[in-house]
Amino acid sequence: MYNNEKFINKIKPQLSSFFHQQFFTRDVGENPGVNVDLSARCGLECPRCQRQTYYANNKDIPGHDLTVDDFIKITDMFKTINFCGQLSDPVHNKYFIDILKLCKMKNVGGTIHNASSLKSKEWYIKAFQAHPYMRWVFGIDGLPKDSCLYRINQDGEKLFDIMIESKKHLKTTPWWQYIIFRYNENDIDEARKLAKKNGINFNLTYSSKWFSEDDLLRPINKDYSIWSGQYERKGYDKI
């Protein structure tokens, strides 16, 4: 296995500690993983996504589709990859299934974060089968019928069904990531029961992307939202 410790130690001093957590899935030891934004495309229009900053300033979303050749280099150096787009959803990279096949062939594991629901069920089955050992995390914020209130353009019920379908093809258990907002804070128990009924892991995620105390997306129950100081103190997953 390639030892990338020297490479990481060279790069890290050039980045603030904030970006250590954003780009590297493990921050110490040999062969830390890396987070990869696969393209510049996403089918959703989530209001607090970084993409909105570019739209507001009439700028194009930066980036392009990483290719299989790009990933040959990446998988030579990293053996754990987090496909969690800051500006894109990984499923919209046109080479994604081939990239998954490459990762499987080279024994590279990782996690795929998906919220866009625009791909077909048939496409997803091919993706699941391309690398059954990848961990999939589906971003459905609220009950499936309500997730589109934040995940604009998402068909939450379709994505939930795809999450259930993934169990037939993956060797790992899918995760339901549920960011708490005002519109879904009273549905947590029902969602947790739904996840348990379907044999899915359930992960509550506390957000800090509020413009003010009166932000209409911020939960009424303040225990369900965090500011930066609380993040360090409580150790919540932060989005």
C-alpha atoms as a PDB file:
ATOM      1  CA  MET A   1       0.000   0.000   0.000  1.00  0.00           C
ATOM      2  CA  TYR A   2       1.274   3.472  -0.880  1.00  0.00           C
ATOM      3  CA  ASN A   3       2.473   5.504   2.093  1.00  0.00           C
ATOM      4  CA  ASN A   4       1.218   9.050   1.491  1.00  0.00           C
ATOM      5  CA  GLU A   5       2.260  10.424   4.878  1.00  0.00           C
ATOM      6  CA  LYS A   6       5.067  12.553   3.390  1.00  0.00           C
ATOM      7  CA  PHE A   7       2.707  14.015   0.796  1.00  0.00           C
ATOM      8  CA  ILE A   8       0.069  14.890   3.417  1.00  0.00           C
ATOM      9  CA  ASN A   9       2.662  16.444   5.725  1.00  0.00           C
ATOM     10  CA  LYS A  10       3.819  18.617   2.841  1.00  0.00           C
ATOM     11  CA  ILE A  11       0.319  19.773   1.899  1.00  0.00           C
ATOM     12  CA  LYS A  12      -1.192  20.320   5.354  1.00  0.00           C
ATOM     13  CA  PRO A  13       0.994  23.310   6.371  1.00  0.00           C
ATOM     14  CA  GLN A  14      -0.351  25.135   3.310  1.00  0.00           C
ATOM     15  CA  LEU A  15      -3.944  24.731   4.513  1.00  0.00           C
ATOM     16  CA  SER A  16      -5.729  26.026   7.589  1.00  0.00           C
ATOM     17  CA  SER A  17      -6.811  23.423  10.130  1.00  0.00           C
ATOM     18  CA  PHE A  18     -10.408  23.943   8.947  1.00  0.00           C
ATOM     19  CA  PHE A  19      -9.502  22.446   5.573  1.00  0.00           C
ATOM     20  CA  HIS A  20      -7.755  19.488   7.194  1.00  0.00           C
ATOM     21  CA  GLN A  21     -11.162  18.228   8.322  1.00  0.00           C
ATOM     22  CA  GLN A  22     -12.806  19.147   5.014  1.00  0.00           C
ATOM     23  CA  PHE A  23     -10.317  17.426   2.706  1.00  0.00           C
ATOM     24  CA  PHE A  24      -8.851  14.559   4.738  1.00  0.00           C
ATOM     25  CA  THR A  25     -11.085  11.851   6.197  1.00  0.00           C
ATOM     26  CA  ARG A  26      -8.415  10.929   8.727  1.00  0.00           C
ATOM     27  CA  ASP A  27      -5.952  13.534   9.895  1.00  0.00           C
ATOM     28  CA  VAL A  28      -3.200  11.334  11.313  1.00  0.00           C
ATOM     29  CA  GLY A  29      -1.335   8.135  10.534  1.00  0.00           C
ATOM     30  CA  GLU A  30      -0.391   6.476   7.303  1.00  0.00           C
ATOM     31  CA  ASN A  31      -2.692   6.618   4.291  1.00  0.00           C
ATOM     32  CA  PRO A  32      -5.282   9.132   5.451  1.00  0.00           C
ATOM     33  CA  GLY A  33      -8.321   9.360   3.223  1.00  0.00           C
ATOM     34  CA  VAL A  34      -9.383  12.326   1.134  1.00  0.00           C
ATOM     35  CA  ASN A  35     -12.649  14.074   0.328  1.00  0.00           C
ATOM     36  CA  VAL A  36     -13.320  14.551  -3.393  1.00  0.00           C
ATOM     37  CA  ASP A  37     -15.748  16.845  -5.216  1.00  0.00           C
ATOM     38  CA  LEU A  38     -16.295  14.932  -8.450  1.00  0.00           C
ATOM     39  CA  SER A  39     -17.797  17.618 -10.680  1.00  0.00           C
ATOM     40  CA  ALA A  40     -19.501  21.011 -10.741  1.00  0.00           C
ATOM     41  CA  ARG A  41     -23.036  19.698 -11.103  1.00  0.00           C
ATOM     42  CA  CYS A  42     -25.951  19.031  -8.782  1.00  0.00           C
ATOM     43  CA  GLY A  43     -29.646  18.614  -9.485  1.00  0.00           C
ATOM     44  CA  LEU A  44     -30.721  20.351  -6.273  1.00  0.00           C
ATOM     45  CA  GLU A  45     -31.008  23.994  -5.219  1.00  0.00           C
ATOM     46  CA  CYS A  46     -30.585  23.793  -1.442  1.00  0.00           C
ATOM     47  CA  PRO A  47     -30.748  27.382  -0.128  1.00  0.00           C
ATOM     48  CA  ARG A  48     -27.714  27.162   2.184  1.00  0.00           C
ATOM     49  CA  CYS A  49     -25.458  25.313  -0.268  1.00  0.00           C
ATOM     50  CA  GLN A  50     -22.202  26.985  -1.314  1.00  0.00           C
ATOM     51  CA  ARG A  51     -23.547  26.964  -4.875  1.00  0.00           C
ATOM     52  CA  GLN A  52     -25.920  29.775  -3.931  1.00  0.00           C
ATOM     53  CA  THR A  53     -22.985  32.103  -3.274  1.00  0.00           C
ATOM     54  CA  TYR A  54     -21.833  31.683  -6.865  1.00  0.00           C
ATOM     55  CA  TYR A  55     -25.344  32.233  -8.223  1.00  0.00           C
ATOM     56  CA  ALA A  56     -25.759  35.380  -6.123  1.00  0.00           C
ATOM     57  CA  ASN A  57     -22.562  36.809  -7.623  1.00  0.00           C
ATOM     58  CA  ASN A  58     -23.387  35.725 -11.198  1.00  0.00           C
ATOM     59  CA  LYS A  59     -20.436  33.353 -11.281  1.00  0.00           C
ATOM     60  CA  ASP A  60     -20.159  29.907 -12.800  1.00  0.00           C
ATOM     61  CA  ILE A  61     -19.755  26.955 -10.462  1.00  0.00           C
ATOM     62  CA  PRO A  62     -16.052  26.037 -10.633  1.00  0.00           C
ATOM     63  CA  GLY A  63     -14.840  22.546 -11.436  1.00  0.00           C
ATOM     64  CA  HIS A  64     -15.224  19.778 -13.995  1.00  0.00           C
ATOM     65  CA  ASP A  65     -15.830  16.032 -14.153  1.00  0.00           C
ATOM     66  CA  LEU A  66     -12.874  14.133 -12.753  1.00  0.00           C
ATOM     67  CA  THR A  67     -12.053  11.258 -15.104  1.00  0.00           C
ATOM     68  CA  VAL A  68     -11.090   7.646 -14.581  1.00  0.00           C
ATOM     69  CA  ASP A  69      -7.495   8.601 -15.447  1.00  0.00           C
ATOM     70  CA  ASP A  70      -7.615  11.240 -12.701  1.00  0.00           C
ATOM     71  CA  PHE A  71      -8.804   8.574 -10.300  1.00  0.00           C
ATOM     72  CA  ILE A  72      -6.055   6.171 -11.196  1.00  0.00           C
ATOM     73  CA  LYS A  73      -3.695   8.761  -9.695  1.00  0.00           C
ATOM     74  CA  ILE A  74      -5.935   9.464  -6.714  1.00  0.00           C
ATOM     75  CA  THR A  75      -6.384   5.777  -5.871  1.00  0.00           C
ATOM     76  CA  ASP A  76      -2.633   5.232  -6.115  1.00  0.00           C
ATOM     77  CA  MET A  77      -2.260   7.641  -3.211  1.00  0.00           C
ATOM     78  CA  PHE A  78      -5.436   7.307  -1.136  1.00  0.00           C
ATOM     79  CA  LYS A  79      -7.126   4.112  -0.026  1.00  0.00           C
ATOM     80  CA  THR A  80     -10.168   5.737   1.562  1.00  0.00           C
ATOM     81  CA  ILE A  81     -12.233   8.271  -0.389  1.00  0.00           C
ATOM     82  CA  ASN A  82     -15.146  10.357   0.812  1.00  0.00           C
ATOM     83  CA  PHE A  83     -17.374  11.316  -2.118  1.00  0.00           C
ATOM     84  CA  CYS A  84     -19.047  14.266  -0.413  1.00  0.00           C
ATOM     85  CA  GLY A  85     -19.549  17.192  -2.746  1.00  0.00           C
ATOM     86  CA  GLN A  86     -19.229  20.721  -1.435  1.00  0.00           C
ATOM     87  CA  LEU A  87     -20.451  22.046  -4.788  1.00  0.00           C
ATOM     88  CA  SER A  88     -21.765  18.916  -6.489  1.00  0.00           C
ATOM     89  CA  ASP A  89     -23.462  15.580  -5.973  1.00  0.00           C
ATOM     90  CA  PRO A  90     -21.170  12.674  -6.887  1.00  0.00           C
ATOM     91  CA  VAL A  91     -23.859  10.858  -8.877  1.00  0.00           C
ATOM     92  CA  HIS A  92     -23.707  13.593 -11.541  1.00  0.00           C
ATOM     93  CA  ASN A  93     -20.139  12.810 -12.555  1.00  0.00           C
ATOM     94  CA  LYS A  94     -20.560  11.100 -15.934  1.00  0.00           C
ATOM     95  CA  TYR A  95     -17.772   8.619 -15.162  1.00  0.00           C
ATOM     96  CA  PHE A  96     -18.985   7.782 -11.658  1.00  0.00           C
ATOM     97  CA  ILE A  97     -19.866   4.122 -12.169  1.00  0.00           C
ATOM     98  CA  ASP A  98     -16.520   3.485 -13.896  1.00  0.00           C
ATOM     99  CA  ILE A  99     -14.789   5.288 -11.013  1.00  0.00           C
ATOM    100  CA  LEU A 100     -16.550   2.970  -8.561  1.00  0.00           C
ATOM    101  CA  LYS A 101     -15.422  -0.060 -10.560  1.00  0.00           C
ATOM    102  CA  LEU A 102     -11.849   1.242 -10.445  1.00  0.00           C
ATOM    103  CA  CYS A 103     -12.063   1.744  -6.667  1.00  0.00           C
ATOM    104  CA  LYS A 104     -13.324  -1.793  -6.210  1.00  0.00           C
ATOM    105  CA  MET A 105     -10.581  -3.222  -8.428  1.00  0.00           C
ATOM    106  CA  LYS A 106      -7.906  -1.376  -6.405  1.00  0.00           C
ATOM    107  CA  ASN A 107      -9.476  -2.203  -3.023  1.00  0.00           C
ATOM    108  CA  VAL A 108     -10.263   1.441  -2.278  1.00  0.00           C
ATOM    109  CA  GLY A 109     -13.161   1.985   0.117  1.00  0.00           C
ATOM    110  CA  GLY A 110     -15.082   5.005   1.269  1.00  0.00           C
ATOM    111  CA  THR A 111     -18.405   6.780   1.593  1.00  0.00           C
ATOM    112  CA  ILE A 112     -20.787   8.247  -0.971  1.00  0.00           C
ATOM    113  CA  HIS A 113     -23.027  11.152   0.060  1.00  0.00           C
ATOM    114  CA  ASN A 114     -26.040  11.497  -2.204  1.00  0.00           C
ATOM    115  CA  ALA A 115     -29.041  13.821  -2.053  1.00  0.00           C
ATOM    116  CA  SER A 116     -29.925  14.398  -5.700  1.00  0.00           C
ATOM    117  CA  SER A 117     -32.679  12.061  -6.850  1.00  0.00           C
ATOM    118  CA  LEU A 118     -32.525  12.713 -10.593  1.00  0.00           C
ATOM    119  CA  LYS A 119     -30.853   9.454 -11.612  1.00  0.00           C
ATOM    120  CA  SER A 120     -32.995   6.440 -12.462  1.00  0.00           C
ATOM    121  CA  LYS A 121     -33.436   3.400 -10.260  1.00  0.00           C
ATOM    122  CA  GLU A 122     -31.672   1.340 -12.936  1.00  0.00           C
ATOM    123  CA  TRP A 123     -28.667   3.670 -12.803  1.00  0.00           C
ATOM    124  CA  TYR A 124     -28.465   3.334  -9.019  1.00  0.00           C
ATOM    125  CA  ILE A 125     -28.532  -0.453  -9.187  1.00  0.00           C
ATOM    126  CA  LYS A 126     -25.546  -0.353 -11.552  1.00  0.00           C
ATOM    127  CA  ALA A 127     -23.740   1.993  -9.159  1.00  0.00           C
ATOM    128  CA  PHE A 128     -24.441  -0.222  -6.131  1.00  0.00           C
ATOM    129  CA  GLN A 129     -23.248  -3.298  -8.004  1.00  0.00           C
ATOM    130  CA  ALA A 130     -20.103  -1.532  -9.244  1.00  0.00           C
ATOM    131  CA  HIS A 131     -18.722  -1.409  -5.681  1.00  0.00           C
ATOM    132  CA  PRO A 132     -20.969  -3.153  -3.125  1.00  0.00           C
ATOM    133  CA  TYR A 133     -18.604  -2.355  -0.246  1.00  0.00           C
ATOM    134  CA  MET A 134     -18.945   1.420  -0.493  1.00  0.00           C
ATOM    135  CA  ARG A 135     -20.994   3.039   2.261  1.00  0.00           C
ATOM    136  CA  TRP A 136     -23.892   5.132   0.963  1.00  0.00           C
ATOM    137  CA  VAL A 137     -25.332   8.073   2.910  1.00  0.00           C
ATOM    138  CA  PHE A 138     -28.624   9.475   1.610  1.00  0.00           C
ATOM    139  CA  GLY A 139     -29.512  13.055   2.497  1.00  0.00           C
ATOM    140  CA  ILE A 140     -33.257  13.105   3.166  1.00  0.00           C
ATOM    141  CA  ASP A 141     -34.010  15.965   5.553  1.00  0.00           C
ATOM    142  CA  GLY A 142     -37.308  15.085   7.148  1.00  0.00           C
ATOM    143  CA  LEU A 143     -39.946  12.557   6.237  1.00  0.00           C
ATOM    144  CA  PRO A 144     -39.429  11.612   2.581  1.00  0.00           C
ATOM    145  CA  LYS A 145     -42.478  13.609   1.447  1.00  0.00           C
ATOM    146  CA  ASP A 146     -41.160  16.781   3.129  1.00  0.00           C
ATOM    147  CA  SER A 147     -37.436  16.719   2.349  1.00  0.00           C
ATOM    148  CA  CYS A 148     -37.950  18.867  -0.764  1.00  0.00           C
ATOM    149  CA  LEU A 149     -38.800  21.818   1.487  1.00  0.00           C
ATOM    150  CA  TYR A 150     -35.045  22.268   1.875  1.00  0.00           C
ATOM    151  CA  ARG A 151     -33.662  19.900  -0.779  1.00  0.00           C
ATOM    152  CA  ILE A 152     -35.345  21.816  -3.588  1.00  0.00           C
ATOM    153  CA  ASN A 153     -35.918  19.632  -6.684  1.00  0.00           C
ATOM    154  CA  GLN A 154     -35.448  16.446  -4.673  1.00  0.00           C
ATOM    155  CA  ASP A 155     -38.007  13.648  -4.862  1.00  0.00           C
ATOM    156  CA  GLY A 156     -37.538  12.412  -1.309  1.00  0.00           C
ATOM    157  CA  GLU A 157     -39.923   9.499  -1.650  1.00  0.00           C
ATOM    158  CA  LYS A 158     -38.100   8.250  -4.742  1.00  0.00           C
ATOM    159  CA  LEU A 159     -34.724   8.580  -3.003  1.00  0.00           C
ATOM    160  CA  PHE A 160     -36.048   6.767   0.062  1.00  0.00           C
ATOM    161  CA  ASP A 161     -37.174   3.879  -2.146  1.00  0.00           C
ATOM    162  CA  ILE A 162     -33.728   3.801  -3.758  1.00  0.00           C
ATOM    163  CA  MET A 163     -32.161   3.699  -0.295  1.00  0.00           C
ATOM    164  CA  ILE A 164     -34.316   0.643   0.470  1.00  0.00           C
ATOM    165  CA  GLU A 165     -33.359  -0.895  -2.889  1.00  0.00           C
ATOM    166  CA  SER A 166     -29.655  -0.450  -2.096  1.00  0.00           C
ATOM    167  CA  LYS A 167     -29.912  -3.090   0.637  1.00  0.00           C
ATOM    168  CA  LYS A 168     -30.406  -5.749  -2.045  1.00  0.00           C
ATOM    169  CA  HIS A 169     -27.089  -4.917  -3.702  1.00  0.00           C
ATOM    170  CA  LEU A 170     -24.727  -3.472  -1.078  1.00  0.00           C
ATOM    171  CA  LYS A 171     -22.649  -5.377   1.456  1.00  0.00           C
ATOM    172  CA  THR A 172     -22.991  -2.388   3.793  1.00  0.00           C
ATOM    173  CA  THR A 173     -26.073  -0.921   5.479  1.00  0.00           C
ATOM    174  CA  PRO A 174     -27.169   2.435   4.019  1.00  0.00           C
ATOM    175  CA  TRP A 175     -27.407   5.542   6.190  1.00  0.00           C
ATOM    176  CA  TRP A 176     -30.241   8.055   6.292  1.00  0.00           C
ATOM    177  CA  GLN A 177     -28.795  11.494   7.079  1.00  0.00           C
ATOM    178  CA  TYR A 178     -31.462  13.779   8.507  1.00  0.00           C
ATOM    179  CA  ILE A 179     -30.493  17.456   8.958  1.00  0.00           C
ATOM    180  CA  ILE A 180     -32.811  19.030  11.519  1.00  0.00           C
ATOM    181  CA  PHE A 181     -34.752  22.094  10.353  1.00  0.00           C
ATOM    182  CA  ARG A 182     -37.807  23.850  11.722  1.00  0.00           C
ATOM    183  CA  TYR A 183     -40.126  22.048   9.321  1.00  0.00           C
ATOM    184  CA  ASN A 184     -38.957  18.562  10.363  1.00  0.00           C
ATOM    185  CA  GLU A 185     -37.993  18.877  14.039  1.00  0.00           C
ATOM    186  CA  ASN A 186     -41.268  17.290  15.198  1.00  0.00           C
ATOM    187  CA  ASP A 187     -40.957  14.309  12.858  1.00  0.00           C
ATOM    188  CA  ILE A 188     -37.720  12.850  14.218  1.00  0.00           C
ATOM    189  CA  ASP A 189     -39.298  10.004  16.199  1.00  0.00           C
ATOM    190  CA  GLU A 190     -41.457   8.964  13.233  1.00  0.00           C
ATOM    191  CA  ALA A 191     -38.439   9.048  10.921  1.00  0.00           C
ATOM    192  CA  ARG A 192     -36.337   7.023  13.343  1.00  0.00           C
ATOM    193  CA  LYS A 193     -39.087   4.373  13.532  1.00  0.00           C
ATOM    194  CA  LEU A 194     -39.291   4.329   9.729  1.00  0.00           C
ATOM    195  CA  ALA A 195     -35.549   3.760   9.498  1.00  0.00           C
ATOM    196  CA  LYS A 196     -35.674   0.956  12.076  1.00  0.00           C
ATOM    197  CA  LYS A 197     -38.615  -0.685  10.312  1.00  0.00           C
ATOM    198  CA  ASN A 198     -36.621  -0.780   7.062  1.00  0.00           C
ATOM    199  CA  GLY A 199     -33.276  -1.802   8.582  1.00  0.00           C
ATOM    200  CA  ILE A 200     -31.518   1.483   7.790  1.00  0.00           C
ATOM    201  CA  ASN A 201     -28.991   3.356   9.913  1.00  0.00           C
ATOM    202  CA  PHE A 202     -30.319   6.749  11.038  1.00  0.00           C
ATOM    203  CA  ASN A 203     -28.116   9.795  11.596  1.00  0.00           C
ATOM    204  CA  LEU A 204     -29.393  13.095  12.967  1.00  0.00           C
ATOM    205  CA  THR A 205     -27.265  16.022  11.847  1.00  0.00           C
ATOM    206  CA  TYR A 206     -27.318  19.390  13.566  1.00  0.00           C
ATOM    207  CA  SER A 207     -26.830  22.441  11.345  1.00  0.00           C
ATOM    208  CA  SER A 208     -25.147  25.759  12.057  1.00  0.00           C
ATOM    209  CA  LYS A 209     -26.063  27.525   8.802  1.00  0.00           C
ATOM    210  CA  TRP A 210     -28.412  30.059  10.325  1.00  0.00           C
ATOM    211  CA  PHE A 211     -28.496  33.720   9.344  1.00  0.00           C
ATOM    212  CA  SER A 212     -29.945  34.793  12.698  1.00  0.00           C
ATOM    213  CA  GLU A 213     -31.799  33.550  15.766  1.00  0.00           C
ATOM    214  CA  ASP A 214     -35.047  34.174  13.852  1.00  0.00           C
ATOM    215  CA  ASP A 215     -33.990  32.234  10.758  1.00  0.00           C
ATOM    216  CA  LEU A 216     -37.090  30.418   9.475  1.00  0.00           C
ATOM    217  CA  LEU A 217     -35.072  27.266   8.826  1.00  0.00           C
ATOM    218  CA  ARG A 218     -33.642  27.150  12.343  1.00  0.00           C
ATOM    219  CA  PRO A 219     -35.452  24.702  14.671  1.00  0.00           C
ATOM    220  CA  ILE A 220     -37.560  26.208  17.441  1.00  0.00           C
ATOM    221  CA  ASN A 221     -35.939  23.765  19.867  1.00  0.00           C
ATOM    222  CA  LYS A 222     -32.461  25.239  20.274  1.00  0.00           C
ATOM    223  CA  ASP A 223     -31.063  21.860  21.267  1.00  0.00           C
ATOM    224  CA  TYR A 224     -31.548  20.907  17.624  1.00  0.00           C
ATOM    225  CA  SER A 225     -29.241  23.595  16.207  1.00  0.00           C
ATOM    226  CA  ILE A 226     -25.730  24.728  16.932  1.00  0.00           C
ATOM    227  CA  TRP A 227     -23.395  27.651  16.670  1.00  0.00           C
ATOM    228  CA  SER A 228     -19.641  27.204  16.256  1.00  0.00           C
ATOM    229  CA  GLY A 229     -18.950  27.269  20.000  1.00  0.00           C
ATOM    230  CA  GLN A 230     -21.523  24.554  20.643  1.00  0.00           C
ATOM    231  CA  TYR A 231     -20.030  22.475  17.847  1.00  0.00           C
ATOM    232  CA  GLU A 232     -16.710  22.166  19.683  1.00  0.00           C
ATOM    233  CA  ARG A 233     -18.420  21.589  23.022  1.00  0.00           C
ATOM    234  CA  LYS A 234     -21.025  18.990  22.004  1.00  0.00           C
ATOM    235  CA  GLY A 235     -19.195  17.227  19.207  1.00  0.00           C
ATOM    236  CA  TYR A 236     -22.214  17.099  16.890  1.00  0.00           C
ATOM    237  CA  ASP A 237     -22.022  16.324  13.190  1.00  0.00           C
ATOM    238  CA  LYS A 238     -21.994  19.776  11.657  1.00  0.00           C
ATOM    239  CA  ILE A 239     -23.458  20.770   8.296  1.00  0.00           C
END
